[in-house]
Amino acid sequence: MKKIILCSFLLGGVALGGASCSEDFLTIYPTSQVAAGAPATQDVIDQQLVSAYQILLLDSYADGQLVSVATFGDVRSDDLYCGGADMSDQPNVYRHSQYTVTEVNQLDGYWGIYYTGLQRCNAALLSCNNAVNVAPAMLNRLRAEALTLRAYYVHQLWKAFGNIVYYEVTPGPPYYVAPQYAADQVYAEIIEDLNAAIATDDFPLATTGADAGRVNKAAAMMTKARAVMYQNDQARYAEVLADMKAIIESEAYSLIRTSPNASLTANPITWMFLREGEFCKESIFEANHLPEGKTWGNSWSGYGNYLPKCLSPRDLSDPTGAFDAGWGLFPVQRGTFERIFNEAGDVRKEASAIEWPSSAYGGGFQATGLFLGKYIARTGYNNNTTGDAALNYENNMRIYRLAETYLNAAELSFYSGGAGAAQPYLDAIRARAFGDDSHSITATLENIKLERHRELFGEGQRFWDLVRWGSDETGKTTAQVLSVNDPAFFMSRTWEDYKKYLPLPKAELDKTKGTEYELQQNPGWN
C-alpha cells in the first residue's frame, strides 16, 4: 500500500480548505490568485486541478450530509436500509430510502459538491486555454484530466437530478445564473467531454507510482460506459465495447485472482479493499483518502473518509480487535443478500458483508446483523494527527476497477453478439469468484445481471442498474423490486418512474426566480 497525494504536481502543501459550507455553484470562488482568463502558468493550472480533485474527498460528508457514492443510490435499492440509531438519526437519508424526499428535505449536499466540482474544472480548463510556457504534451494531459473530472462530476448530477443547470463558463452578474438543460442535453455534454479526453494521445491509459491518484484514459472510458449504458444509448454501444476491450487487452490492468498476502486475508476481494490493496492492478481509479484533516466544523476540508464509521455496527464488541464500532448505518438487506449469494465458495459473499450476532453490537434501526464489508471501519485506519477521528478513515474509495470493465464487456457483447460473445468476460469474473474455471454459467442477460449484482455489491451501482434495465436478474420489473411494504423494517415505499430523478433543491429554485433562467422543478415533484 502506498498513499499518494497526487505527487508530481498535486502537492500536499497546497491549501485545500479555503471553501466554506456556503459554497455553491452560482458563486465565484477563485482557486488561485490569477484572475479568470489571465495567462496561466503550469503552477496555476496545477493548483486549480488540486481544487478540482478535492471534490473526490468530500462526498462521504458532503456539506455535513452522508452522500457517499457507495450508498447514495443503493439505499434506494433492494440492497441497503437506512439504519442508524433510530428513525430520526438521519431523517433525510431515511426519506431518501423511502422516496419521500422533498425539494426542502433532501440530501442536497450531493448537489453542492458536484456543482463545485463543475466550477473548479471549468476554472482549470479556462487556464489551460490561456496557458503560457507549458509543454504541449503536459498541457494536453492536464486538459484531458480536467475534462474527465468535469464529466464524472456532471454525470453524478445528471443521474441524480436529470434536468440540471449546465455551464462551461462561470456565470457572471447580475444574477450569476445559467440555463437549465434537459437531461438528454446534459448527456450530450458529458459525452463530448469524454470523447475529447479519450482522443488525447498524451492522456495515459493507466497511471501508476506517484501518479496513481490521477485520472487516466481508462477512467474516462469507464465514465463514458456508465453514462452510455445508463442512457441506453445503443448507437454508442459498439464504441464503448471497443473501449472496454482496449482496457482489458492492454495488460495495464488485471483481475486480482488470489490474495497477494494470505497472512492478511486469503480472500482476493477483501484484500483489494484493504489499504494494502490500494492502487493494485485491478484498480483503474480511486479517490485517495488520508487519515487526517476533516473536522465536524468544516466539511469542505481534509482528506479523510467518513463512510467506514457510518457502516460499522453500533457499540461493537469485536473479539478479534480488527474492527471499530460505528453508527450502524446502511445495514444490508438480508433477503437480497441471501438470495444472490447462494453458491458455496463464492469469495464475494465474505467480502461484501460481515455478519455479527446480536450479542456483539448494540442493535439499531433496521438492523439485520449484516453490515457492508468492503469499507467497514478497521482498527488503525484512522490514526490521524489532525481532525476528528470518526471522519478520517484512510479507506480509498474504489471508483472504477477492472471487474466492472469485464461486466460491461459481457453485457455489451451480449447485446451485439449474444451469449457466445459475452461468455469469456463472464467466465473471467466467475473464475475469480470461485478460484477455478469449473463454475461457468451460460452468459444470458439474466446471469450477467446477477453477476454484476454480486460483484459490485456495496459499491454504489445497484440502484442505477435497476433504473436503466427496467428489471432485475429474476425478471421482476424495477417497480416490483423497489416498491416495498415491510412494517417490520419500517419500509413503505412505491416506485414510480418519475422518481428516477430527485427534486431540484428549493434553495436553488429560489435563487433563479424572476431571472431569464428560472429553474423548473422536475416533473412529478411539484
Protein backbone atom coordinates (compact mmCIF):
# COMPACT_ATOMS: atom_id res chain seq x y z
CA MET A 1 0.00 0.00 0.00
CA LYS A 2 1.28 3.42 -0.92
CA LYS A 3 -0.61 6.57 -0.09
CA ILE A 4 -0.16 9.34 -2.60
CA ILE A 5 -1.29 12.96 -2.53
CA LEU A 6 -1.11 13.16 -6.30
CA CYS A 7 2.59 13.76 -6.22
CA SER A 8 4.48 15.33 -9.12
CA PHE A 9 2.08 18.22 -9.19
CA LEU A 10 -0.71 17.82 -6.63
CA LEU A 11 1.42 18.58 -3.59
CA GLY A 12 0.19 18.06 -0.04
CA GLY A 13 1.21 21.59 0.85
CA VAL A 14 -1.34 23.19 -1.43
CA ALA A 15 -4.20 24.58 0.66
CA LEU A 16 -7.47 22.73 0.07
CA GLY A 17 -9.60 24.10 2.86
CA GLY A 18 -10.42 27.61 1.69
CA ALA A 19 -14.03 26.95 0.69
CA SER A 20 -16.82 27.19 3.22
CA CYS A 21 -20.06 25.27 3.68
CA SER A 22 -21.89 28.07 1.89
CA GLU A 23 -20.08 27.44 -1.37
CA ASP A 24 -22.50 26.77 -4.20
CA PHE A 25 -22.46 26.53 -7.95
CA LEU A 26 -23.78 30.03 -8.51
CA THR A 27 -20.98 31.81 -6.64
CA ILE A 28 -17.49 32.60 -7.86
CA TYR A 29 -14.74 31.23 -5.65
CA PRO A 30 -11.32 31.69 -7.27
CA THR A 31 -8.89 28.80 -6.80
CA SER A 32 -5.76 30.86 -7.40
CA GLN A 33 -4.59 34.43 -7.28
CA VAL A 34 -4.76 34.68 -11.07
CA ALA A 35 -7.84 36.43 -12.45
CA ALA A 36 -10.12 34.35 -14.64
CA GLY A 37 -8.96 34.49 -18.25
CA ALA A 38 -5.47 35.73 -17.38
CA PRO A 39 -2.36 33.96 -18.72
CA ALA A 40 -1.77 30.84 -16.64
CA THR A 41 1.45 29.01 -15.86
CA GLN A 42 1.53 25.29 -15.17
CA ASP A 43 1.63 26.07 -11.45
CA VAL A 44 -1.69 27.88 -11.71
CA ILE A 45 -3.28 25.02 -13.67
CA ASP A 46 -1.92 22.53 -11.15
CA GLN A 47 -3.42 24.40 -8.22
CA GLN A 48 -6.78 24.56 -9.93
CA LEU A 49 -6.69 20.84 -10.63
CA VAL A 50 -5.85 20.22 -6.96
CA SER A 51 -9.04 22.06 -6.12
CA ALA A 52 -11.00 20.01 -8.67
CA TYR A 53 -9.64 16.71 -7.37
CA GLN A 54 -10.56 17.67 -3.81
CA ILE A 55 -14.24 17.04 -4.58
CA LEU A 56 -13.49 13.31 -4.65
CA LEU A 57 -12.63 13.52 -0.93
CA LEU A 58 -15.82 15.29 0.16
CA ASP A 59 -18.73 13.02 -0.70
CA SER A 60 -18.81 10.94 2.49
CA TYR A 61 -19.60 14.11 4.47
CA ALA A 62 -20.85 16.44 1.75
CA ASP A 63 -21.80 19.71 3.40
CA GLY A 64 -22.43 17.71 6.57
CA GLN A 65 -24.53 15.02 4.86
CA LEU A 66 -23.94 11.31 4.21
CA VAL A 67 -23.96 11.02 0.42
CA SER A 68 -21.09 8.67 -0.38
CA VAL A 69 -21.15 7.33 -3.93
CA ALA A 70 -21.16 3.80 -2.45
CA THR A 71 -24.50 4.32 -0.67
CA PHE A 72 -26.25 7.34 -2.23
CA GLY A 73 -28.03 5.22 -4.84
CA ASP A 74 -28.05 1.84 -3.13
CA VAL A 75 -30.03 2.95 -0.08
CA ARG A 76 -32.83 3.41 -2.63
CA SER A 77 -32.31 -0.13 -3.95
CA ASP A 78 -33.02 -3.63 -2.66
CA ASP A 79 -29.52 -3.92 -1.12
CA LEU A 80 -29.38 -1.48 1.82
CA TYR A 81 -31.55 0.03 4.54
CA CYS A 82 -31.01 3.46 6.06
CA GLY A 83 -30.21 2.19 9.56
CA GLY A 84 -28.61 4.20 12.35
CA ALA A 85 -29.71 4.64 15.94
CA ASP A 86 -33.39 5.21 15.22
CA MET A 87 -35.70 6.67 12.57
CA SER A 88 -34.70 10.22 13.49
CA ASP A 89 -30.94 9.57 13.30
CA GLN A 90 -30.55 10.58 9.65
CA PRO A 91 -34.03 11.71 8.61
CA ASN A 92 -33.11 12.83 5.10
CA VAL A 93 -31.29 9.56 4.41
CA TYR A 94 -34.41 7.72 5.59
CA ARG A 95 -36.63 9.89 3.36
CA HIS A 96 -34.23 9.22 0.52
CA SER A 97 -34.63 5.47 1.05
CA GLN A 98 -38.44 5.80 1.14
CA TYR A 99 -38.69 8.04 -1.97
CA THR A 100 -40.30 10.75 0.18
CA VAL A 101 -37.69 13.49 -0.12
CA THR A 102 -38.95 16.94 -0.98
CA GLU A 103 -37.35 19.99 -2.56
CA VAL A 104 -36.70 21.19 1.02
CA ASN A 105 -35.84 17.96 2.86
CA GLN A 106 -33.29 16.04 0.84
CA LEU A 107 -29.59 15.27 0.53
CA ASP A 108 -28.68 18.45 -1.31
CA GLY A 109 -25.02 18.17 -0.26
CA TYR A 110 -24.71 15.91 -3.32
CA TRP A 111 -25.82 18.84 -5.48
CA GLY A 112 -23.45 21.24 -3.74
CA ILE A 113 -20.19 19.30 -4.01
CA TYR A 114 -20.62 18.25 -7.62
CA TYR A 115 -21.56 21.72 -8.81
CA THR A 116 -18.50 22.99 -7.01
CA GLY A 117 -16.57 20.30 -8.92
CA LEU A 118 -18.01 21.54 -12.22
CA GLN A 119 -16.99 25.09 -11.40
CA ARG A 120 -13.46 24.12 -10.41
CA CYS A 121 -12.96 22.03 -13.54
CA ASN A 122 -14.17 24.95 -15.63
CA ALA A 123 -11.56 27.17 -13.98
CA ALA A 124 -8.81 24.66 -14.76
CA LEU A 125 -9.94 24.34 -18.38
CA LEU A 126 -10.04 28.11 -18.79
CA SER A 127 -6.46 28.30 -17.57
CA CYS A 128 -5.50 25.51 -19.98
CA ASN A 129 -6.88 27.67 -22.77
CA ASN A 130 -4.72 30.57 -21.54
CA ALA A 131 -1.61 28.59 -20.70
CA VAL A 132 1.84 30.13 -21.06
CA ASN A 133 5.14 28.23 -21.11
CA VAL A 134 3.53 24.82 -20.60
CA ALA A 135 4.91 21.90 -22.62
CA PRO A 136 2.28 20.84 -25.19
CA ALA A 137 2.19 17.19 -24.09
CA MET A 138 1.70 18.16 -20.44
CA LEU A 139 -0.95 20.72 -21.34
CA ASN A 140 -2.85 18.12 -23.34
CA ARG A 141 -2.75 15.74 -20.40
CA LEU A 142 -3.89 18.34 -17.86
CA ARG A 143 -6.76 19.37 -20.12
CA ALA A 144 -7.83 15.72 -20.51
CA GLU A 145 -7.77 15.26 -16.74
CA ALA A 146 -9.97 18.32 -16.21
CA LEU A 147 -12.40 17.17 -18.92
CA THR A 148 -12.64 13.72 -17.36
CA LEU A 149 -13.24 15.09 -13.87
CA ARG A 150 -15.87 17.50 -15.19
CA ALA A 151 -17.68 14.70 -16.99
CA TYR A 152 -17.51 12.49 -13.89
CA TYR A 153 -18.97 15.19 -11.63
CA VAL A 154 -21.67 16.22 -14.10
CA HIS A 155 -22.66 12.61 -14.73
CA GLN A 156 -23.30 12.24 -10.99
CA LEU A 157 -25.60 15.27 -11.08
CA TRP A 158 -27.25 14.08 -14.29
CA LYS A 159 -28.11 10.65 -12.93
CA ALA A 160 -29.44 12.10 -9.67
CA PHE A 161 -31.29 15.20 -10.89
CA GLY A 162 -31.68 14.88 -14.67
CA ASN A 163 -32.73 18.32 -15.94
CA ILE A 164 -29.99 20.47 -14.46
CA VAL A 165 -28.12 23.71 -14.90
CA TYR A 166 -25.03 23.30 -17.04
CA TYR A 167 -22.34 25.80 -17.94
CA GLU A 168 -18.74 25.83 -19.09
CA VAL A 169 -18.08 29.50 -18.33
CA THR A 170 -18.73 30.66 -14.79
CA PRO A 171 -21.92 32.76 -14.75
CA GLY A 172 -21.44 36.44 -14.09
CA PRO A 173 -23.51 39.36 -12.82
CA PRO A 174 -26.16 40.43 -12.36
CA TYR A 175 -27.70 37.10 -11.34
CA TYR A 176 -24.91 34.50 -11.55
CA VAL A 177 -27.31 32.04 -13.15
CA ALA A 178 -27.09 29.79 -16.19
CA PRO A 179 -29.59 27.91 -18.36
CA GLN A 180 -31.24 24.66 -17.37
CA TYR A 181 -30.57 21.80 -19.77
CA ALA A 182 -32.84 18.85 -20.49
CA ALA A 183 -31.35 15.55 -19.31
CA ASP A 184 -30.58 14.45 -22.88
CA GLN A 185 -28.69 17.69 -23.49
CA VAL A 186 -26.64 17.17 -20.33
CA TYR A 187 -25.82 13.66 -21.52
CA ALA A 188 -24.54 15.05 -24.82
CA GLU A 189 -22.22 17.44 -22.96
CA ILE A 190 -20.84 14.59 -20.83
CA ILE A 191 -20.09 12.51 -23.91
CA GLU A 192 -18.44 15.45 -25.68
CA ASP A 193 -16.01 15.95 -22.78
CA LEU A 194 -15.20 12.26 -22.53
CA ASN A 195 -14.68 11.83 -26.25
CA ALA A 196 -12.23 14.73 -26.22
CA ALA A 197 -10.32 13.24 -23.28
CA ILE A 198 -10.23 9.74 -24.77
CA ALA A 199 -8.96 11.10 -28.10
CA THR A 200 -5.99 12.78 -26.38
CA ASP A 201 -2.81 10.86 -27.26
CA ASP A 202 -0.93 12.35 -24.30
CA PHE A 203 -3.52 11.03 -21.83
CA PRO A 204 -2.16 7.71 -20.45
CA LEU A 205 -4.42 4.66 -20.28
CA ALA A 206 -3.16 3.84 -16.78
CA THR A 207 -1.42 5.78 -14.02
CA THR A 208 0.98 4.20 -11.55
CA GLY A 209 3.55 5.15 -8.94
CA ALA A 210 3.48 8.80 -7.95
CA ASP A 211 0.70 9.42 -10.49
CA ALA A 212 -1.60 6.66 -9.23
CA GLY A 213 -4.16 9.10 -7.81
CA ARG A 214 -4.67 10.91 -11.11
CA VAL A 215 -7.45 10.16 -13.57
CA ASN A 216 -6.43 8.42 -16.76
CA LYS A 217 -7.87 7.47 -20.14
CA ALA A 218 -9.31 4.21 -18.78
CA ALA A 219 -11.24 6.19 -16.14
CA ALA A 220 -12.63 8.40 -18.93
CA MET A 221 -13.66 5.27 -20.85
CA MET A 222 -15.35 3.83 -17.76
CA THR A 223 -17.24 7.06 -17.10
CA LYS A 224 -18.40 7.03 -20.71
CA ALA A 225 -19.54 3.41 -20.32
CA ARG A 226 -21.59 4.26 -17.23
CA ALA A 227 -23.19 7.24 -18.97
CA VAL A 228 -23.92 5.45 -22.26
CA MET A 229 -25.33 2.37 -20.56
CA TYR A 230 -27.45 4.45 -18.17
CA GLN A 231 -28.81 6.38 -21.15
CA ASN A 232 -29.44 3.10 -23.01
CA ASP A 233 -27.76 4.76 -25.98
CA GLN A 234 -27.49 1.73 -28.23
CA ALA A 235 -25.94 3.77 -31.03
CA ARG A 236 -22.80 4.08 -28.89
CA TYR A 237 -22.65 0.54 -27.55
CA ALA A 238 -20.09 -0.58 -30.14
CA GLU A 239 -17.63 2.22 -29.36
CA VAL A 240 -17.99 1.69 -25.62
CA LEU A 241 -17.44 -2.05 -26.06
CA ALA A 242 -14.29 -1.25 -28.04
CA ASP A 243 -13.12 0.88 -25.10
CA MET A 244 -13.77 -1.95 -22.65
CA LYS A 245 -11.81 -4.37 -24.83
CA ALA A 246 -8.96 -1.87 -25.11
CA ILE A 247 -8.70 -1.69 -21.31
CA ILE A 248 -8.88 -5.47 -20.85
CA GLU A 249 -6.45 -6.27 -23.65
CA SER A 250 -3.91 -3.59 -22.74
CA GLU A 251 -2.42 -5.65 -19.87
CA ALA A 252 -2.13 -2.41 -17.92
CA TYR A 253 -4.71 -3.92 -15.55
CA SER A 254 -5.53 -7.42 -14.35
CA LEU A 255 -8.08 -9.11 -12.09
CA ILE A 256 -6.76 -9.96 -8.63
CA ARG A 257 -7.40 -13.72 -8.60
CA THR A 258 -5.61 -14.62 -5.37
CA SER A 259 -4.71 -12.59 -2.32
CA PRO A 260 -1.11 -11.31 -2.53
CA ASN A 261 -0.88 -11.56 1.27
CA ALA A 262 -2.65 -14.56 2.78
CA SER A 263 -1.50 -13.55 6.26
CA LEU A 264 -3.87 -10.58 6.00
CA THR A 265 -6.66 -12.44 4.21
CA ALA A 266 -6.97 -15.29 1.75
CA ASN A 267 -9.88 -13.53 0.07
CA PRO A 268 -8.71 -11.59 -3.02
CA ILE A 269 -11.62 -9.13 -2.95
CA THR A 270 -11.29 -8.46 0.77
CA TRP A 271 -7.56 -7.86 0.17
CA MET A 272 -8.31 -5.45 -2.64
CA PHE A 273 -10.34 -3.24 -0.27
CA LEU A 274 -7.67 -3.20 2.44
CA ARG A 275 -5.17 -0.35 2.48
CA GLU A 276 -2.59 -2.84 1.20
CA GLY A 277 -4.75 -3.33 -1.90
CA GLU A 278 -5.00 0.32 -2.84
CA PHE A 279 -3.84 1.17 -6.36
CA CYS A 280 -3.48 -2.53 -7.17
CA LYS A 281 -3.51 -3.94 -10.71
CA GLU A 282 -7.29 -4.16 -10.72
CA SER A 283 -7.75 -0.53 -9.75
CA ILE A 284 -8.50 1.84 -12.62
CA PHE A 285 -9.26 4.88 -10.50
CA GLU A 286 -9.83 5.54 -6.82
CA ALA A 287 -10.22 8.57 -4.56
CA ASN A 288 -7.12 8.80 -2.39
CA HIS A 289 -8.08 9.33 1.26
CA LEU A 290 -5.67 10.03 4.11
CA PRO A 291 -6.42 9.79 7.86
CA GLU A 292 -6.24 13.49 8.59
CA GLY A 293 -7.80 16.90 8.31
CA LYS A 294 -11.60 16.52 8.36
CA THR A 295 -13.44 18.19 11.24
CA TRP A 296 -17.08 18.34 12.29
CA GLY A 297 -16.95 22.10 11.92
CA ASN A 298 -15.76 22.18 8.30
CA SER A 299 -16.93 19.54 5.85
CA TRP A 300 -15.08 21.27 3.00
CA SER A 301 -11.59 20.42 4.20
CA GLY A 302 -9.37 17.45 4.94
CA TYR A 303 -8.55 14.10 3.36
CA GLY A 304 -10.37 11.51 5.48
CA ASN A 305 -13.25 9.16 4.69
CA TYR A 306 -16.32 9.15 6.97
CA LEU A 307 -18.10 6.20 5.32
CA PRO A 308 -16.32 3.43 7.33
CA LYS A 309 -17.52 4.87 10.65
CA CYS A 310 -21.05 5.11 9.26
CA LEU A 311 -21.11 1.46 8.17
CA SER A 312 -19.83 -0.28 11.29
CA PRO A 313 -22.17 -1.73 13.94
CA ARG A 314 -23.13 0.40 16.92
CA ASP A 315 -21.34 -0.40 20.19
CA LEU A 316 -19.48 -3.22 18.52
CA SER A 317 -17.58 -5.66 20.73
CA ASP A 318 -15.23 -7.39 18.30
CA PRO A 319 -13.21 -10.14 20.00
CA THR A 320 -10.61 -10.04 17.22
CA GLY A 321 -9.94 -6.34 17.65
CA ALA A 322 -9.95 -5.93 13.86
CA PHE A 323 -12.96 -3.64 13.57
CA ASP A 324 -14.07 -0.36 15.14
CA ALA A 325 -17.58 0.41 16.34
CA GLY A 326 -19.61 2.82 14.24
CA TRP A 327 -23.05 4.29 13.73
CA GLY A 328 -24.87 1.24 12.26
CA LEU A 329 -25.95 2.99 9.08
CA PHE A 330 -26.72 1.28 5.76
CA PRO A 331 -27.29 -2.28 7.05
CA VAL A 332 -27.56 -4.95 4.36
CA GLN A 333 -31.00 -6.26 3.41
CA ARG A 334 -30.76 -9.91 4.38
CA GLY A 335 -33.30 -11.21 1.89
CA THR A 336 -31.42 -9.83 -1.08
CA PHE A 337 -28.04 -10.88 0.23
CA GLU A 338 -29.01 -14.47 0.90
CA ARG A 339 -30.77 -14.76 -2.45
CA ILE A 340 -27.83 -13.66 -4.59
CA PHE A 341 -25.01 -15.27 -2.59
CA ASN A 342 -26.45 -18.77 -2.72
CA GLU A 343 -23.46 -20.68 -4.15
CA ALA A 344 -20.83 -22.22 -1.90
CA GLY A 345 -17.29 -20.99 -2.45
CA ASP A 346 -18.11 -17.53 -3.80
CA VAL A 347 -15.48 -15.26 -2.20
CA ARG A 348 -17.59 -12.20 -2.92
CA LYS A 349 -20.04 -13.17 -0.16
CA GLU A 350 -17.48 -12.86 2.63
CA ALA A 351 -16.02 -9.67 1.14
CA SER A 352 -19.38 -7.94 0.65
CA ALA A 353 -20.92 -8.24 4.12
CA ILE A 354 -19.90 -9.20 7.63
CA GLU A 355 -22.40 -10.81 9.99
CA TRP A 356 -22.36 -10.25 13.75
CA PRO A 357 -24.64 -11.87 16.31
CA SER A 358 -26.97 -9.54 18.18
CA SER A 359 -24.86 -10.02 21.31
CA ALA A 360 -21.85 -8.41 19.62
CA TYR A 361 -23.35 -4.99 18.88
CA GLY A 362 -25.91 -2.53 20.19
CA GLY A 363 -28.75 -3.10 17.75
CA GLY A 364 -30.10 -0.10 15.89
CA PHE A 365 -32.79 0.97 13.45
CA GLN A 366 -33.44 -1.59 10.68
CA ALA A 367 -30.54 -3.72 11.95
CA THR A 368 -30.19 -7.09 10.23
CA GLY A 369 -26.88 -8.33 11.64
CA LEU A 370 -25.32 -7.90 8.19
CA PHE A 371 -23.04 -4.91 7.60
CA LEU A 372 -21.24 -3.82 4.44
CA GLY A 373 -17.73 -5.24 4.40
CA LYS A 374 -15.75 -3.50 1.69
CA TYR A 375 -15.50 -0.18 3.53
CA ILE A 376 -16.03 -1.33 7.12
CA ALA A 377 -14.17 0.62 9.84
CA ARG A 378 -10.94 -1.25 10.56
CA THR A 379 -8.83 -0.65 13.64
CA GLY A 380 -5.81 1.53 12.90
CA TYR A 381 -7.22 3.06 9.73
CA ASN A 382 -7.87 6.43 11.40
CA ASN A 383 -4.66 7.09 13.29
CA ASN A 384 -4.86 10.74 12.36
CA THR A 385 -2.76 13.57 13.71
CA THR A 386 -5.28 16.32 12.88
CA GLY A 387 -9.05 16.44 12.65
CA ASP A 388 -11.82 14.33 14.18
CA ALA A 389 -11.16 10.60 14.20
CA ALA A 390 -14.61 9.44 13.04
CA LEU A 391 -14.30 11.47 9.84
CA ASN A 392 -10.77 10.46 8.97
CA TYR A 393 -10.51 6.84 7.91
CA GLU A 394 -7.94 6.26 5.22
CA ASN A 395 -10.00 3.83 3.11
CA ASN A 396 -9.72 4.84 -0.54
CA MET A 397 -12.98 4.86 -2.50
CA ARG A 398 -12.66 2.48 -5.43
CA ILE A 399 -14.41 4.35 -8.21
CA TYR A 400 -13.55 2.05 -11.12
CA ARG A 401 -12.00 -1.39 -11.06
CA LEU A 402 -11.38 -3.88 -13.84
CA ALA A 403 -14.15 -6.26 -12.75
CA GLU A 404 -16.71 -3.66 -13.84
CA THR A 405 -14.94 -3.40 -17.20
CA TYR A 406 -15.39 -7.16 -17.71
CA LEU A 407 -19.05 -6.96 -16.72
CA ASN A 408 -19.63 -4.02 -19.08
CA ALA A 409 -17.96 -6.00 -21.85
CA ALA A 410 -20.16 -9.03 -21.11
CA GLU A 411 -23.36 -7.01 -21.23
CA LEU A 412 -22.45 -5.02 -24.32
CA SER A 413 -21.19 -8.13 -26.11
CA PHE A 414 -24.46 -9.89 -25.32
CA TYR A 415 -26.46 -7.12 -26.98
CA SER A 416 -24.36 -7.32 -30.14
CA GLY A 417 -23.42 -11.00 -30.33
CA GLY A 418 -25.44 -12.97 -27.82
CA ALA A 419 -24.31 -15.34 -25.10
CA GLY A 420 -21.35 -16.68 -27.06
CA ALA A 421 -19.77 -13.25 -27.43
CA ALA A 422 -20.34 -12.43 -23.75
CA GLN A 423 -19.16 -15.78 -22.37
CA PRO A 424 -15.39 -15.14 -21.99
CA TYR A 425 -15.97 -11.97 -19.96
CA LEU A 426 -18.50 -13.59 -17.64
CA ASP A 427 -16.28 -16.64 -17.24
CA ALA A 428 -13.38 -14.46 -16.10
CA ILE A 429 -15.50 -12.94 -13.33
CA ARG A 430 -16.82 -16.33 -12.24
CA ALA A 431 -13.37 -17.92 -12.25
CA ARG A 432 -12.05 -15.23 -9.91
CA ALA A 433 -15.11 -15.53 -7.66
CA PHE A 434 -14.69 -19.29 -7.17
CA GLY A 435 -10.95 -19.70 -7.66
CA ASP A 436 -11.14 -22.04 -10.66
CA ASP A 437 -12.61 -22.43 -14.14
CA SER A 438 -15.27 -25.01 -13.23
CA HIS A 439 -18.08 -22.59 -12.42
CA SER A 440 -19.01 -21.31 -15.86
CA ILE A 441 -22.67 -20.48 -16.40
CA THR A 442 -24.32 -19.51 -19.68
CA ALA A 443 -23.97 -15.82 -20.38
CA THR A 444 -27.65 -14.99 -20.58
CA LEU A 445 -28.65 -11.40 -19.84
CA GLU A 446 -30.18 -12.56 -16.55
CA ASN A 447 -26.92 -14.22 -15.48
CA ILE A 448 -24.89 -11.16 -16.49
CA LYS A 449 -27.17 -9.02 -14.33
CA LEU A 450 -26.81 -11.46 -11.44
CA GLU A 451 -23.02 -11.48 -11.62
CA ARG A 452 -22.97 -7.69 -11.75
CA HIS A 453 -25.15 -7.59 -8.64
CA ARG A 454 -22.80 -9.97 -6.83
CA GLU A 455 -19.52 -8.45 -7.94
CA LEU A 456 -20.39 -4.80 -7.33
CA PHE A 457 -22.40 -5.28 -4.13
CA GLY A 458 -21.85 -2.33 -1.83
CA GLU A 459 -20.10 -0.24 -4.49
CA GLY A 460 -22.99 2.03 -5.42
CA GLN A 461 -24.19 0.65 -8.76
CA ARG A 462 -27.32 -1.38 -7.92
CA PHE A 463 -29.94 1.40 -7.99
CA TRP A 464 -28.67 2.88 -11.24
CA ASP A 465 -28.62 -0.60 -12.82
CA LEU A 466 -32.22 -1.29 -11.82
CA VAL A 467 -33.34 2.03 -13.28
CA ARG A 468 -31.57 1.56 -16.61
CA TRP A 469 -32.54 -2.11 -17.02
CA GLY A 470 -36.18 -1.75 -16.05
CA SER A 471 -35.97 -5.19 -14.41
CA ASP A 472 -33.68 -7.27 -12.23
CA GLU A 473 -31.91 -10.59 -12.70
CA THR A 474 -35.05 -12.55 -11.74
CA GLY A 475 -37.30 -10.89 -14.31
CA LYS A 476 -39.13 -8.67 -11.83
CA THR A 477 -39.77 -5.15 -13.07
CA THR A 478 -37.96 -2.31 -11.37
CA ALA A 479 -41.26 -1.19 -9.83
CA GLN A 480 -41.79 -4.68 -8.39
CA VAL A 481 -38.28 -4.74 -6.92
CA LEU A 482 -38.28 -1.25 -5.45
CA SER A 483 -41.88 -0.96 -4.20
CA VAL A 484 -41.83 -2.34 -0.65
CA ASN A 485 -44.31 -2.68 2.19
CA ASP A 486 -42.49 -4.22 5.15
CA PRO A 487 -43.62 -2.83 8.52
CA ALA A 488 -41.07 -4.98 10.38
CA PHE A 489 -38.30 -2.89 8.83
CA PHE A 490 -40.24 0.39 8.60
CA MET A 491 -40.26 0.21 4.82
CA SER A 492 -43.23 1.60 2.91
CA ARG A 493 -42.38 2.96 -0.48
CA THR A 494 -43.73 2.93 -4.01
CA TRP A 495 -41.61 3.29 -7.11
CA GLU A 496 -42.83 5.47 -9.95
CA ASP A 497 -40.75 6.26 -13.00
CA TYR A 498 -40.54 9.99 -12.28
CA LYS A 499 -38.58 9.15 -9.12
CA LYS A 500 -35.62 8.31 -11.33
CA TYR A 501 -34.72 11.97 -10.77
CA LEU A 502 -34.71 13.70 -7.40
CA PRO A 503 -36.40 17.06 -6.91
CA LEU A 504 -34.21 20.07 -7.53
CA PRO A 505 -33.39 21.79 -4.21
CA LYS A 506 -35.74 24.63 -3.33
CA ALA A 507 -32.85 26.91 -2.39
CA GLU A 508 -31.57 26.66 -5.96
CA LEU A 509 -35.03 27.23 -7.45
CA ASP A 510 -35.43 30.33 -5.33
CA LYS A 511 -32.11 31.80 -6.50
CA THR A 512 -33.32 31.89 -10.08
CA LYS A 513 -36.86 33.16 -9.59
CA GLY A 514 -37.56 36.17 -11.77
CA THR A 515 -34.45 35.70 -13.91
CA GLU A 516 -34.28 34.70 -17.55
CA TYR A 517 -33.03 31.27 -16.47
CA GLU A 518 -35.67 30.41 -13.88
CA LEU A 519 -35.26 26.76 -12.90
CA GLN A 520 -38.21 24.43 -13.43
CA GLN A 521 -38.83 21.62 -10.95
CA ASN A 522 -38.53 18.06 -12.22
CA PRO A 523 -41.89 16.56 -13.25
CA GLY A 524 -43.75 14.73 -10.51
CA TRP A 525 -42.16 16.69 -7.67
CA ASN A 526 -44.27 19.85 -8.00
